[in-house]
Amino acid sequence: MARTSAYHHGDLRAACLRAARELLEEDGSAGLSLRAVARRAGVSATAPYRHYADREALVSAVAAEGYRELAEHLAGAHPAPPGP
């Protein structure tokens, strides 16, 4: 029988992003750390490191997510005109 990993969260990456966004909205960048994100997401202090090497990697992922959401919003507000 093979041993399975004790790691099981579901979608840790999404949980970390959600927690980071909440912390940024509440406290700005001063309150954002991987430990704070872990506490907010309800995981161990080292769990976010499975997806993010450091705080800057997490901030970059949050920014990328925000830009994707902005692009979707703008595309919805101003759809491309039909072809000629």
C-alpha atoms as a PDB file:
ATOM      1  CA  MET A   1       0.000   0.000   0.000  1.00  0.00           C
ATOM      2  CA  ALA A   2       1.469   3.354  -1.031  1.00  0.00           C
ATOM      3  CA  ARG A   3       1.708   6.185   1.445  1.00  0.00           C
ATOM      4  CA  THR A   4      -0.188   9.281   0.515  1.00  0.00           C
ATOM      5  CA  SER A   5       0.912  12.782   1.279  1.00  0.00           C
ATOM      6  CA  ALA A   6      -0.537  14.466   4.342  1.00  0.00           C
ATOM      7  CA  TYR A   7      -1.062  17.564   2.203  1.00  0.00           C
ATOM      8  CA  HIS A   8      -4.692  18.095   1.337  1.00  0.00           C
ATOM      9  CA  HIS A   9      -6.332  21.449   1.064  1.00  0.00           C
ATOM     10  CA  GLY A  10      -8.330  21.471  -2.125  1.00  0.00           C
ATOM     11  CA  ASP A  11      -7.226  24.626  -3.882  1.00  0.00           C
ATOM     12  CA  LEU A  12      -4.453  26.120  -1.786  1.00  0.00           C
ATOM     13  CA  ARG A  13      -3.374  28.519  -4.526  1.00  0.00           C
ATOM     14  CA  ALA A  14      -6.849  30.074  -4.739  1.00  0.00           C
ATOM     15  CA  ALA A  15      -7.196  30.154  -0.947  1.00  0.00           C
ATOM     16  CA  CYS A  16      -3.879  32.004  -0.641  1.00  0.00           C
ATOM     17  CA  LEU A  17      -4.843  34.516  -3.327  1.00  0.00           C
ATOM     18  CA  ARG A  18      -8.209  35.125  -1.672  1.00  0.00           C
ATOM     19  CA  ALA A  19      -6.566  35.570   1.739  1.00  0.00           C
ATOM     20  CA  ALA A  20      -3.935  37.913   0.294  1.00  0.00           C
ATOM     21  CA  ARG A  21      -6.581  40.075  -1.369  1.00  0.00           C
ATOM     22  CA  GLU A  22      -8.568  40.287   1.863  1.00  0.00           C
ATOM     23  CA  LEU A  23      -5.459  41.300   3.810  1.00  0.00           C
ATOM     24  CA  LEU A  24      -4.534  43.912   1.215  1.00  0.00           C
ATOM     25  CA  GLU A  25      -8.045  45.393   1.340  1.00  0.00           C
ATOM     26  CA  GLU A  26      -7.992  45.511   5.149  1.00  0.00           C
ATOM     27  CA  ASP A  27      -4.443  46.599   5.947  1.00  0.00           C
ATOM     28  CA  GLY A  28      -2.702  47.492   2.709  1.00  0.00           C
ATOM     29  CA  SER A  29       0.623  45.970   1.817  1.00  0.00           C
ATOM     30  CA  ALA A  30       2.032  46.388   5.332  1.00  0.00           C
ATOM     31  CA  GLY A  31      -0.198  43.584   6.628  1.00  0.00           C
ATOM     32  CA  LEU A  32       0.647  41.146   3.855  1.00  0.00           C
ATOM     33  CA  SER A  33       3.019  38.286   4.597  1.00  0.00           C
ATOM     34  CA  LEU A  34       3.003  34.604   3.769  1.00  0.00           C
ATOM     35  CA  ARG A  35       2.445  33.839   7.461  1.00  0.00           C
ATOM     36  CA  ALA A  36      -0.566  36.173   7.593  1.00  0.00           C
ATOM     37  CA  VAL A  37      -1.927  34.603   4.409  1.00  0.00           C
ATOM     38  CA  ALA A  38      -1.487  31.137   5.916  1.00  0.00           C
ATOM     39  CA  ARG A  39      -3.323  32.153   9.096  1.00  0.00           C
ATOM     40  CA  ARG A  40      -6.163  33.685   7.084  1.00  0.00           C
ATOM     41  CA  ALA A  41      -6.426  30.622   4.835  1.00  0.00           C
ATOM     42  CA  GLY A  42      -6.347  28.276   7.828  1.00  0.00           C
ATOM     43  CA  VAL A  43      -3.248  26.359   6.756  1.00  0.00           C
ATOM     44  CA  SER A  44       0.221  25.826   8.202  1.00  0.00           C
ATOM     45  CA  ALA A  45       2.710  28.679   8.020  1.00  0.00           C
ATOM     46  CA  THR A  46       4.734  26.821   5.389  1.00  0.00           C
ATOM     47  CA  ALA A  47       1.829  25.776   3.141  1.00  0.00           C
ATOM     48  CA  PRO A  48       1.820  28.918   0.936  1.00  0.00           C
ATOM     49  CA  TYR A  49       5.421  28.152  -0.014  1.00  0.00           C
ATOM     50  CA  ARG A  50       4.110  25.220  -2.050  1.00  0.00           C
ATOM     51  CA  HIS A  51       2.961  27.798  -4.619  1.00  0.00           C
ATOM     52  CA  TYR A  52       4.817  31.035  -3.829  1.00  0.00           C
ATOM     53  CA  ALA A  53       8.568  31.292  -3.299  1.00  0.00           C
ATOM     54  CA  ASP A  54       8.249  34.502  -1.298  1.00  0.00           C
ATOM     55  CA  ARG A  55       6.069  37.525  -0.604  1.00  0.00           C
ATOM     56  CA  GLU A  56       6.959  39.131  -3.937  1.00  0.00           C
ATOM     57  CA  ALA A  57       5.813  36.043  -5.847  1.00  0.00           C
ATOM     58  CA  LEU A  58       2.504  36.184  -3.993  1.00  0.00           C
ATOM     59  CA  VAL A  59       2.110  39.905  -4.701  1.00  0.00           C
ATOM     60  CA  SER A  60       2.837  39.249  -8.388  1.00  0.00           C
ATOM     61  CA  ALA A  61       0.174  36.531  -8.476  1.00  0.00           C
ATOM     62  CA  VAL A  62      -2.375  38.853  -6.847  1.00  0.00           C
ATOM     63  CA  ALA A  63      -1.533  41.588  -9.366  1.00  0.00           C
ATOM     64  CA  ALA A  64      -1.821  39.167 -12.296  1.00  0.00           C
ATOM     65  CA  GLU A  65      -5.214  38.024 -11.049  1.00  0.00           C
ATOM     66  CA  GLY A  66      -6.342  41.642 -10.727  1.00  0.00           C
ATOM     67  CA  TYR A  67      -5.208  42.467 -14.258  1.00  0.00           C
ATOM     68  CA  ARG A  68      -7.048  39.416 -15.633  1.00  0.00           C
ATOM     69  CA  GLU A  69     -10.227  40.520 -13.861  1.00  0.00           C
ATOM     70  CA  LEU A  70      -9.804  44.064 -15.185  1.00  0.00           C
ATOM     71  CA  ALA A  71      -9.320  42.775 -18.747  1.00  0.00           C
ATOM     72  CA  GLU A  72     -12.464  40.633 -18.457  1.00  0.00           C
ATOM     73  CA  HIS A  73     -14.432  43.588 -17.112  1.00  0.00           C
ATOM     74  CA  LEU A  74     -13.235  45.877 -19.898  1.00  0.00           C
ATOM     75  CA  ALA A  75     -13.941  43.258 -22.560  1.00  0.00           C
ATOM     76  CA  GLY A  76     -17.460  42.856 -21.198  1.00  0.00           C
ATOM     77  CA  ALA A  77     -18.057  46.594 -21.126  1.00  0.00           C
ATOM     78  CA  HIS A  78     -16.646  47.171 -24.591  1.00  0.00           C
ATOM     79  CA  PRO A  79     -16.934  44.049 -26.717  1.00  0.00           C
ATOM     80  CA  ALA A  80     -14.994  43.930 -29.958  1.00  0.00           C
ATOM     81  CA  PRO A  81     -16.991  45.227 -32.904  1.00  0.00           C
ATOM     82  CA  PRO A  82     -18.208  42.662 -35.417  1.00  0.00           C
ATOM     83  CA  GLY A  83     -16.060  42.103 -38.485  1.00  0.00           C
ATOM     84  CA  PRO A  84     -16.700  44.020 -41.740  1.00  0.00           C
END
